[in-house]
Amino acid sequence: MRYLILGCGWVGQSVADKWLADGHEVWASTTSVEKYHCLQDSGIFAFQYDFDTNDLPVEEMPATFDFILVSIPATNRHSVEVLKTRFEHVHTFLARLHYQKLIFLSSVGIYPDISARIDEASLEEGDLNEKLRLAERSMQLLSNAYVFRLGGLFGKNRIFAKYFENRVCTTGAQRANFVHLDDVMALLELAFRNSLRQPIYNLVAPEHPLKRDVVIASALKNSMALPKSFQNDESFQKVVLGALLQDELNYTFKYPSPLDF
């Protein structure tokens, strides 16, 4: 199999290493010179590429891939204009290629901070984050393209408690809409190899404990300091449901609860 990863960051690197270990041919883009050399050294066909300024083909890159993973971010710190250009370039770049299936990694941050149980069809288009939806729509214009909205992502060296050591935690009364990296990787593997019936899926662990409890469990597990205090300044109860993809792929989560991350 031949894979392409656009935006080989934390998730992309983990996926690339797994696919490479399984004997597949992996191509990957990065904006970083250091990351480019790291990927090349590991056996990945890496290329340095900035989609904010470029949409030209890459010399010597194949025109045909089995599967494509797009993990290029649409972050709030960038303007709508910057993101529009970025994803127009991504779209133009990908439209030249032939492939079986494409998956774009988005975020459950697309949903507003409200007290509700939210699945993929719960909200109107106008209720969603404008910048993330812009990126999603651009990718959905491509053939055989699917959007995966990831929950807060943890695993390996990304530990929830680390962000609150000796600090004040103001979000402890919120529900955790998290997912473990190992589950994301397993679901991607299944999704690429099996038919998908819907255009958009949430990837979120099925259990939603309070973030306060996740912080405490994470700190104890990793011998980290607890927060100085918990202040429930932002206590809306948003619960993002990920059962659609789980049921469709008949998947059992390795980490069903963020308390066990």
C-alpha atoms as a PDB file:
ATOM      1  CA  MET A   1       0.000   0.000   0.000  1.00  0.00           C
ATOM      2  CA  ARG A   2       1.078   3.564  -0.656  1.00  0.00           C
ATOM      3  CA  TYR A   3       0.006   6.256   1.817  1.00  0.00           C
ATOM      4  CA  LEU A   4       0.209  10.049   1.763  1.00  0.00           C
ATOM      5  CA  ILE A   5       0.019  12.211   4.891  1.00  0.00           C
ATOM      6  CA  LEU A   6      -0.355  15.958   4.464  1.00  0.00           C
ATOM      7  CA  GLY A   7       0.598  17.742   7.666  1.00  0.00           C
ATOM      8  CA  CYS A   8       2.741  15.193   9.460  1.00  0.00           C
ATOM      9  CA  GLY A   9       2.472  16.510  13.009  1.00  0.00           C
ATOM     10  CA  TRP A  10       2.007  14.593  16.248  1.00  0.00           C
ATOM     11  CA  VAL A  11      -0.785  12.349  14.984  1.00  0.00           C
ATOM     12  CA  GLY A  12       0.626  12.063  11.487  1.00  0.00           C
ATOM     13  CA  GLN A  13       4.052  11.014  12.758  1.00  0.00           C
ATOM     14  CA  SER A  14       2.557   8.231  14.881  1.00  0.00           C
ATOM     15  CA  VAL A  15       0.420   6.991  12.006  1.00  0.00           C
ATOM     16  CA  ALA A  16       3.334   7.201   9.579  1.00  0.00           C
ATOM     17  CA  ASP A  17       5.591   5.169  11.874  1.00  0.00           C
ATOM     18  CA  LYS A  18       2.898   2.494  12.200  1.00  0.00           C
ATOM     19  CA  TRP A  19       2.293   2.261   8.475  1.00  0.00           C
ATOM     20  CA  LEU A  20       6.019   2.156   7.792  1.00  0.00           C
ATOM     21  CA  ALA A  21       6.485  -0.650  10.347  1.00  0.00           C
ATOM     22  CA  ASP A  22       3.704  -2.566   8.594  1.00  0.00           C
ATOM     23  CA  GLY A  23       5.700  -2.473   5.368  1.00  0.00           C
ATOM     24  CA  HIS A  24       3.815   0.264   3.510  1.00  0.00           C
ATOM     25  CA  GLU A  25       5.251   3.075   1.408  1.00  0.00           C
ATOM     26  CA  VAL A  26       4.637   6.392   3.178  1.00  0.00           C
ATOM     27  CA  TRP A  27       4.907   9.911   1.827  1.00  0.00           C
ATOM     28  CA  ALA A  28       4.473  12.893   4.138  1.00  0.00           C
ATOM     29  CA  SER A  29       4.590  16.679   4.072  1.00  0.00           C
ATOM     30  CA  THR A  30       5.887  18.996   6.785  1.00  0.00           C
ATOM     31  CA  THR A  31       6.637  22.698   7.051  1.00  0.00           C
ATOM     32  CA  SER A  32       9.634  22.108   9.332  1.00  0.00           C
ATOM     33  CA  VAL A  33      13.190  21.529   8.099  1.00  0.00           C
ATOM     34  CA  GLU A  34      14.020  19.556  11.240  1.00  0.00           C
ATOM     35  CA  LYS A  35      10.913  17.384  10.873  1.00  0.00           C
ATOM     36  CA  TYR A  36      11.711  16.829   7.197  1.00  0.00           C
ATOM     37  CA  HIS A  37      15.112  15.350   8.056  1.00  0.00           C
ATOM     38  CA  CYS A  38      13.621  13.289  10.898  1.00  0.00           C
ATOM     39  CA  LEU A  39      11.011  11.783   8.586  1.00  0.00           C
ATOM     40  CA  GLN A  40      13.561  11.113   5.855  1.00  0.00           C
ATOM     41  CA  ASP A  41      15.876   9.392   8.300  1.00  0.00           C
ATOM     42  CA  SER A  42      13.075   7.084   9.426  1.00  0.00           C
ATOM     43  CA  GLY A  43      12.426   5.870   5.876  1.00  0.00           C
ATOM     44  CA  ILE A  44       9.480   8.095   5.008  1.00  0.00           C
ATOM     45  CA  PHE A  45       9.420   9.912   1.667  1.00  0.00           C
ATOM     46  CA  ALA A  46       9.185  13.377   3.178  1.00  0.00           C
ATOM     47  CA  PHE A  47       8.861  16.737   1.461  1.00  0.00           C
ATOM     48  CA  GLN A  48       8.879  20.235   2.924  1.00  0.00           C
ATOM     49  CA  TYR A  49       5.796  22.145   1.809  1.00  0.00           C
ATOM     50  CA  ASP A  50       3.856  25.220   2.931  1.00  0.00           C
ATOM     51  CA  PHE A  51       0.236  25.197   1.744  1.00  0.00           C
ATOM     52  CA  ASP A  52      -0.212  28.828   2.762  1.00  0.00           C
ATOM     53  CA  THR A  53       1.954  29.852  -0.182  1.00  0.00           C
ATOM     54  CA  ASN A  54       2.045  26.892  -2.548  1.00  0.00           C
ATOM     55  CA  ASP A  55      -0.186  24.470  -4.440  1.00  0.00           C
ATOM     56  CA  LEU A  56       2.255  23.213  -7.052  1.00  0.00           C
ATOM     57  CA  PRO A  57       2.960  19.505  -7.607  1.00  0.00           C
ATOM     58  CA  VAL A  58       5.958  17.920  -5.912  1.00  0.00           C
ATOM     59  CA  GLU A  59       8.595  16.625  -8.289  1.00  0.00           C
ATOM     60  CA  GLU A  60       9.073  12.849  -8.271  1.00  0.00           C
ATOM     61  CA  MET A  61       6.042  12.279  -6.037  1.00  0.00           C
ATOM     62  CA  PRO A  62       3.703   9.567  -7.367  1.00  0.00           C
ATOM     63  CA  ALA A  63       0.317  10.592  -8.743  1.00  0.00           C
ATOM     64  CA  THR A  64      -1.448   7.563  -7.298  1.00  0.00           C
ATOM     65  CA  PHE A  65      -1.953   6.588  -3.659  1.00  0.00           C
ATOM     66  CA  ASP A  66      -4.100   4.017  -1.943  1.00  0.00           C
ATOM     67  CA  PHE A  67      -5.031   6.222   1.012  1.00  0.00           C
ATOM     68  CA  ILE A  68      -4.530   9.866   1.978  1.00  0.00           C
ATOM     69  CA  LEU A  69      -4.643  11.339   5.477  1.00  0.00           C
ATOM     70  CA  VAL A  70      -4.931  15.137   5.725  1.00  0.00           C
ATOM     71  CA  SER A  71      -3.929  16.530   9.109  1.00  0.00           C
ATOM     72  CA  ILE A  72      -3.395  20.182   8.233  1.00  0.00           C
ATOM     73  CA  PRO A  73      -4.756  22.422  10.997  1.00  0.00           C
ATOM     74  CA  ALA A  74      -7.443  25.087  10.808  1.00  0.00           C
ATOM     75  CA  THR A  75      -6.711  27.023  13.969  1.00  0.00           C
ATOM     76  CA  ASN A  76      -8.493  30.037  15.432  1.00  0.00           C
ATOM     77  CA  ARG A  77      -5.292  32.066  15.522  1.00  0.00           C
ATOM     78  CA  HIS A  78      -5.403  32.322  11.719  1.00  0.00           C
ATOM     79  CA  SER A  79      -7.844  34.552   9.862  1.00  0.00           C
ATOM     80  CA  VAL A  80     -10.607  33.217   7.632  1.00  0.00           C
ATOM     81  CA  GLU A  81      -8.724  34.622   4.635  1.00  0.00           C
ATOM     82  CA  VAL A  82      -5.521  32.735   5.521  1.00  0.00           C
ATOM     83  CA  LEU A  83      -7.394  29.485   6.052  1.00  0.00           C
ATOM     84  CA  LYS A  84      -9.383  29.921   2.849  1.00  0.00           C
ATOM     85  CA  THR A  85      -6.148  30.243   0.872  1.00  0.00           C
ATOM     86  CA  ARG A  86      -4.532  27.358   2.758  1.00  0.00           C
ATOM     87  CA  PHE A  87      -7.304  24.889   2.051  1.00  0.00           C
ATOM     88  CA  GLU A  88      -7.836  26.035  -1.507  1.00  0.00           C
ATOM     89  CA  HIS A  89      -4.174  25.134  -2.038  1.00  0.00           C
ATOM     90  CA  VAL A  90      -4.630  21.781  -0.297  1.00  0.00           C
ATOM     91  CA  HIS A  91      -7.657  21.074  -2.470  1.00  0.00           C
ATOM     92  CA  THR A  92      -5.810  21.974  -5.687  1.00  0.00           C
ATOM     93  CA  PHE A  93      -2.833  19.828  -4.647  1.00  0.00           C
ATOM     94  CA  LEU A  94      -5.008  16.789  -3.912  1.00  0.00           C
ATOM     95  CA  ALA A  95      -7.304  17.156  -6.911  1.00  0.00           C
ATOM     96  CA  ARG A  96      -4.382  16.168  -9.165  1.00  0.00           C
ATOM     97  CA  LEU A  97      -3.934  12.831  -7.401  1.00  0.00           C
ATOM     98  CA  HIS A  98      -5.640   9.473  -7.753  1.00  0.00           C
ATOM     99  CA  TYR A  99      -6.568   7.602  -4.577  1.00  0.00           C
ATOM    100  CA  GLN A 100      -9.100   5.219  -3.056  1.00  0.00           C
ATOM    101  CA  LYS A 101     -10.065   7.179   0.055  1.00  0.00           C
ATOM    102  CA  LEU A 102      -9.168  10.417   1.841  1.00  0.00           C
ATOM    103  CA  ILE A 103      -9.730  11.232   5.520  1.00  0.00           C
ATOM    104  CA  PHE A 104      -9.441  14.778   6.873  1.00  0.00           C
ATOM    105  CA  LEU A 105      -8.782  15.201  10.593  1.00  0.00           C
ATOM    106  CA  SER A 106     -10.914  17.981  12.045  1.00  0.00           C
ATOM    107  CA  SER A 107     -11.882  18.643  15.672  1.00  0.00           C
ATOM    108  CA  VAL A 108     -14.918  18.481  17.949  1.00  0.00           C
ATOM    109  CA  GLY A 109     -13.956  22.082  18.678  1.00  0.00           C
ATOM    110  CA  ILE A 110     -16.233  22.788  15.720  1.00  0.00           C
ATOM    111  CA  TYR A 111     -19.185  22.453  18.120  1.00  0.00           C
ATOM    112  CA  PRO A 112     -20.186  25.417  20.325  1.00  0.00           C
ATOM    113  CA  ASP A 113     -19.635  25.369  24.092  1.00  0.00           C
ATOM    114  CA  ILE A 114     -23.182  24.579  25.166  1.00  0.00           C
ATOM    115  CA  SER A 115     -24.817  22.161  27.585  1.00  0.00           C
ATOM    116  CA  ALA A 116     -26.035  19.452  25.210  1.00  0.00           C
ATOM    117  CA  ARG A 117     -25.401  15.943  23.936  1.00  0.00           C
ATOM    118  CA  ILE A 118     -24.071  16.446  20.421  1.00  0.00           C
ATOM    119  CA  ASP A 119     -23.784  13.969  17.570  1.00  0.00           C
ATOM    120  CA  GLU A 120     -22.855  14.621  13.951  1.00  0.00           C
ATOM    121  CA  ALA A 121     -26.382  15.762  13.019  1.00  0.00           C
ATOM    122  CA  SER A 122     -27.365  17.706  16.154  1.00  0.00           C
ATOM    123  CA  LEU A 123     -26.606  21.253  15.031  1.00  0.00           C
ATOM    124  CA  GLU A 124     -27.244  23.511  12.078  1.00  0.00           C
ATOM    125  CA  GLU A 125     -24.394  24.617   9.842  1.00  0.00           C
ATOM    126  CA  GLY A 126     -24.540  28.141  11.231  1.00  0.00           C
ATOM    127  CA  ASP A 127     -23.940  26.872  14.772  1.00  0.00           C
ATOM    128  CA  LEU A 128     -20.542  25.395  13.890  1.00  0.00           C
ATOM    129  CA  ASN A 129     -17.113  27.049  14.107  1.00  0.00           C
ATOM    130  CA  GLU A 130     -16.700  28.992  10.867  1.00  0.00           C
ATOM    131  CA  LYS A 131     -13.000  28.319  10.384  1.00  0.00           C
ATOM    132  CA  LEU A 132     -13.116  24.574  10.997  1.00  0.00           C
ATOM    133  CA  ARG A 133     -16.185  24.189   8.810  1.00  0.00           C
ATOM    134  CA  LEU A 134     -14.461  26.115   6.005  1.00  0.00           C
ATOM    135  CA  ALA A 135     -11.624  23.586   6.058  1.00  0.00           C
ATOM    136  CA  GLU A 136     -14.013  20.633   6.200  1.00  0.00           C
ATOM    137  CA  ARG A 137     -16.099  21.858   3.264  1.00  0.00           C
ATOM    138  CA  SER A 138     -13.000  22.335   1.139  1.00  0.00           C
ATOM    139  CA  MET A 139     -11.952  18.718   1.749  1.00  0.00           C
ATOM    140  CA  GLN A 140     -15.485  17.416   1.191  1.00  0.00           C
ATOM    141  CA  LEU A 141     -15.400  18.790  -2.364  1.00  0.00           C
ATOM    142  CA  LEU A 142     -12.842  16.094  -3.155  1.00  0.00           C
ATOM    143  CA  SER A 143     -13.908  12.610  -4.189  1.00  0.00           C
ATOM    144  CA  ASN A 144     -14.128   9.779  -1.639  1.00  0.00           C
ATOM    145  CA  ALA A 145     -13.358  12.204   1.205  1.00  0.00           C
ATOM    146  CA  TYR A 146     -14.468  11.826   4.828  1.00  0.00           C
ATOM    147  CA  VAL A 147     -14.159  14.113   7.866  1.00  0.00           C
ATOM    148  CA  PHE A 148     -13.147  12.779  11.285  1.00  0.00           C
ATOM    149  CA  ARG A 149     -13.761  15.227  14.136  1.00  0.00           C
ATOM    150  CA  LEU A 150     -11.322  14.276  16.891  1.00  0.00           C
ATOM    151  CA  GLY A 151     -11.890  14.831  20.579  1.00  0.00           C
ATOM    152  CA  GLY A 152      -9.140  16.179  22.817  1.00  0.00           C
ATOM    153  CA  LEU A 153      -6.217  13.954  21.928  1.00  0.00           C
ATOM    154  CA  PHE A 154      -3.952  12.289  24.474  1.00  0.00           C
ATOM    155  CA  GLY A 155      -1.481   9.421  24.650  1.00  0.00           C
ATOM    156  CA  LYS A 156       2.279   8.863  24.593  1.00  0.00           C
ATOM    157  CA  ASN A 157       3.860  12.005  26.059  1.00  0.00           C
ATOM    158  CA  ARG A 158       0.691  14.092  25.820  1.00  0.00           C
ATOM    159  CA  ILE A 159      -0.628  13.911  29.396  1.00  0.00           C
ATOM    160  CA  PHE A 160      -3.653  15.900  30.547  1.00  0.00           C
ATOM    161  CA  ALA A 161      -2.386  16.582  34.073  1.00  0.00           C
ATOM    162  CA  LYS A 162       0.766  18.217  32.704  1.00  0.00           C
ATOM    163  CA  TYR A 163      -1.227  21.268  31.622  1.00  0.00           C
ATOM    164  CA  PHE A 164      -2.484  21.946  35.158  1.00  0.00           C
ATOM    165  CA  GLU A 165       0.468  21.212  37.444  1.00  0.00           C
ATOM    166  CA  ASN A 166       0.479  23.814  40.250  1.00  0.00           C
ATOM    167  CA  ARG A 167      -1.990  25.955  38.306  1.00  0.00           C
ATOM    168  CA  VAL A 168      -5.620  26.939  38.763  1.00  0.00           C
ATOM    169  CA  CYS A 169      -7.960  24.707  36.744  1.00  0.00           C
ATOM    170  CA  THR A 170     -11.099  26.570  35.679  1.00  0.00           C
ATOM    171  CA  THR A 171     -12.580  23.823  33.457  1.00  0.00           C
ATOM    172  CA  GLY A 172     -12.816  20.963  35.956  1.00  0.00           C
ATOM    173  CA  ALA A 173     -16.625  20.922  35.993  1.00  0.00           C
ATOM    174  CA  GLN A 174     -16.814  20.332  32.229  1.00  0.00           C
ATOM    175  CA  ARG A 175     -17.249  16.901  30.687  1.00  0.00           C
ATOM    176  CA  ALA A 176     -14.224  15.362  28.947  1.00  0.00           C
ATOM    177  CA  ASN A 177     -14.646  14.820  25.215  1.00  0.00           C
ATOM    178  CA  PHE A 178     -11.299  13.098  24.744  1.00  0.00           C
ATOM    179  CA  VAL A 179      -9.844  10.255  22.699  1.00  0.00           C
ATOM    180  CA  HIS A 180      -6.634   8.259  23.026  1.00  0.00           C
ATOM    181  CA  LEU A 181      -4.089   8.243  20.203  1.00  0.00           C
ATOM    182  CA  ASP A 182      -4.113   4.426  20.100  1.00  0.00           C
ATOM    183  CA  ASP A 183      -7.849   4.431  19.406  1.00  0.00           C
ATOM    184  CA  VAL A 184      -7.502   7.074  16.706  1.00  0.00           C
ATOM    185  CA  MET A 185      -4.832   5.017  14.969  1.00  0.00           C
ATOM    186  CA  ALA A 186      -6.910   1.835  15.176  1.00  0.00           C
ATOM    187  CA  LEU A 187     -10.042   3.578  13.899  1.00  0.00           C
ATOM    188  CA  LEU A 188      -8.127   5.121  11.000  1.00  0.00           C
ATOM    189  CA  GLU A 189      -6.824   1.689  10.021  1.00  0.00           C
ATOM    190  CA  LEU A 190     -10.351   0.236  10.044  1.00  0.00           C
ATOM    191  CA  ALA A 191     -11.846   3.250   8.278  1.00  0.00           C
ATOM    192  CA  PHE A 192      -9.371   3.131   5.415  1.00  0.00           C
ATOM    193  CA  ARG A 193      -9.953  -0.594   4.877  1.00  0.00           C
ATOM    194  CA  ASN A 194     -13.762  -0.635   5.221  1.00  0.00           C
ATOM    195  CA  SER A 195     -16.672   1.154   3.590  1.00  0.00           C
ATOM    196  CA  LEU A 196     -17.995   4.255   5.349  1.00  0.00           C
ATOM    197  CA  ARG A 197     -21.651   5.266   5.088  1.00  0.00           C
ATOM    198  CA  GLN A 198     -21.527   8.854   6.360  1.00  0.00           C
ATOM    199  CA  PRO A 199     -19.436  11.895   5.340  1.00  0.00           C
ATOM    200  CA  ILE A 200     -18.611  13.062   8.896  1.00  0.00           C
ATOM    201  CA  TYR A 201     -17.797  11.190  12.109  1.00  0.00           C
ATOM    202  CA  ASN A 202     -16.899  12.151  15.674  1.00  0.00           C
ATOM    203  CA  LEU A 203     -13.936  10.268  17.207  1.00  0.00           C
ATOM    204  CA  VAL A 204     -14.513  10.502  20.948  1.00  0.00           C
ATOM    205  CA  ALA A 205     -14.135   7.952  23.762  1.00  0.00           C
ATOM    206  CA  PRO A 206     -17.554   6.691  24.909  1.00  0.00           C
ATOM    207  CA  GLU A 207     -17.201   7.813  28.543  1.00  0.00           C
ATOM    208  CA  HIS A 208     -17.283  11.476  29.587  1.00  0.00           C
ATOM    209  CA  PRO A 209     -16.089  11.958  33.177  1.00  0.00           C
ATOM    210  CA  LEU A 210     -15.569  15.419  34.624  1.00  0.00           C
ATOM    211  CA  LYS A 211     -12.281  17.003  33.600  1.00  0.00           C
ATOM    212  CA  ARG A 212     -11.500  17.489  37.298  1.00  0.00           C
ATOM    213  CA  ASP A 213     -11.543  13.711  37.789  1.00  0.00           C
ATOM    214  CA  VAL A 214      -9.425  13.180  34.679  1.00  0.00           C
ATOM    215  CA  VAL A 215      -6.824  15.685  35.901  1.00  0.00           C
ATOM    216  CA  ILE A 216      -6.591  13.944  39.276  1.00  0.00           C
ATOM    217  CA  ALA A 217      -6.389  10.436  37.756  1.00  0.00           C
ATOM    218  CA  SER A 218      -3.793  11.597  35.224  1.00  0.00           C
ATOM    219  CA  ALA A 219      -1.656  13.280  37.893  1.00  0.00           C
ATOM    220  CA  LEU A 220      -1.697  10.212  40.136  1.00  0.00           C
ATOM    221  CA  LYS A 221      -0.892   7.867  37.273  1.00  0.00           C
ATOM    222  CA  ASN A 222       2.033   9.972  36.064  1.00  0.00           C
ATOM    223  CA  SER A 223       3.348  11.208  39.443  1.00  0.00           C
ATOM    224  CA  MET A 224       2.597  14.814  38.623  1.00  0.00           C
ATOM    225  CA  ALA A 225       1.543  17.680  40.857  1.00  0.00           C
ATOM    226  CA  LEU A 226      -2.146  18.484  41.179  1.00  0.00           C
ATOM    227  CA  PRO A 227      -3.560  21.903  40.306  1.00  0.00           C
ATOM    228  CA  LYS A 228      -3.375  24.582  42.990  1.00  0.00           C
ATOM    229  CA  SER A 229      -7.151  24.673  42.965  1.00  0.00           C
ATOM    230  CA  PHE A 230     -10.260  23.978  40.916  1.00  0.00           C
ATOM    231  CA  GLN A 231     -12.511  26.921  40.098  1.00  0.00           C
ATOM    232  CA  ASN A 232     -15.650  26.105  38.144  1.00  0.00           C
ATOM    233  CA  ASP A 233     -15.676  29.234  36.005  1.00  0.00           C
ATOM    234  CA  GLU A 234     -16.679  27.437  32.806  1.00  0.00           C
ATOM    235  CA  SER A 235     -19.024  24.599  33.663  1.00  0.00           C
ATOM    236  CA  PHE A 236     -21.186  24.043  30.555  1.00  0.00           C
ATOM    237  CA  GLN A 237     -21.961  20.352  30.037  1.00  0.00           C
ATOM    238  CA  LYS A 238     -21.082  19.587  26.420  1.00  0.00           C
ATOM    239  CA  VAL A 239     -20.978  15.867  25.606  1.00  0.00           C
ATOM    240  CA  VAL A 240     -19.854  14.926  22.087  1.00  0.00           C
ATOM    241  CA  LEU A 241     -21.032  11.470  21.034  1.00  0.00           C
ATOM    242  CA  GLY A 242     -18.830   9.172  18.952  1.00  0.00           C
ATOM    243  CA  ALA A 243     -21.059   6.107  18.656  1.00  0.00           C
ATOM    244  CA  LEU A 244     -21.728   6.508  14.925  1.00  0.00           C
ATOM    245  CA  LEU A 245     -18.280   5.398  13.759  1.00  0.00           C
ATOM    246  CA  GLN A 246     -17.820   3.002  16.680  1.00  0.00           C
ATOM    247  CA  ASP A 247     -20.995   1.128  15.786  1.00  0.00           C
ATOM    248  CA  GLU A 248     -20.423   1.224  12.046  1.00  0.00           C
ATOM    249  CA  LEU A 249     -16.959  -0.336  12.380  1.00  0.00           C
ATOM    250  CA  ASN A 250     -17.983  -2.579  15.299  1.00  0.00           C
ATOM    251  CA  TYR A 251     -15.077  -1.143  17.271  1.00  0.00           C
ATOM    252  CA  THR A 252     -14.275  -1.680  20.940  1.00  0.00           C
ATOM    253  CA  PHE A 253     -12.274   1.185  22.413  1.00  0.00           C
ATOM    254  CA  LYS A 254      -8.922   0.340  23.976  1.00  0.00           C
ATOM    255  CA  TYR A 255      -9.393   3.340  26.255  1.00  0.00           C
ATOM    256  CA  PRO A 256     -13.149   3.878  26.715  1.00  0.00           C
ATOM    257  CA  SER A 257     -12.595   6.318  29.593  1.00  0.00           C
ATOM    258  CA  PRO A 258     -10.197   9.277  29.807  1.00  0.00           C
ATOM    259  CA  LEU A 259      -9.687   8.258  33.448  1.00  0.00           C
ATOM    260  CA  ASP A 260      -7.470   5.466  32.101  1.00  0.00           C
ATOM    261  CA  PHE A 261      -5.401   7.477  29.619  1.00  0.00           C
END
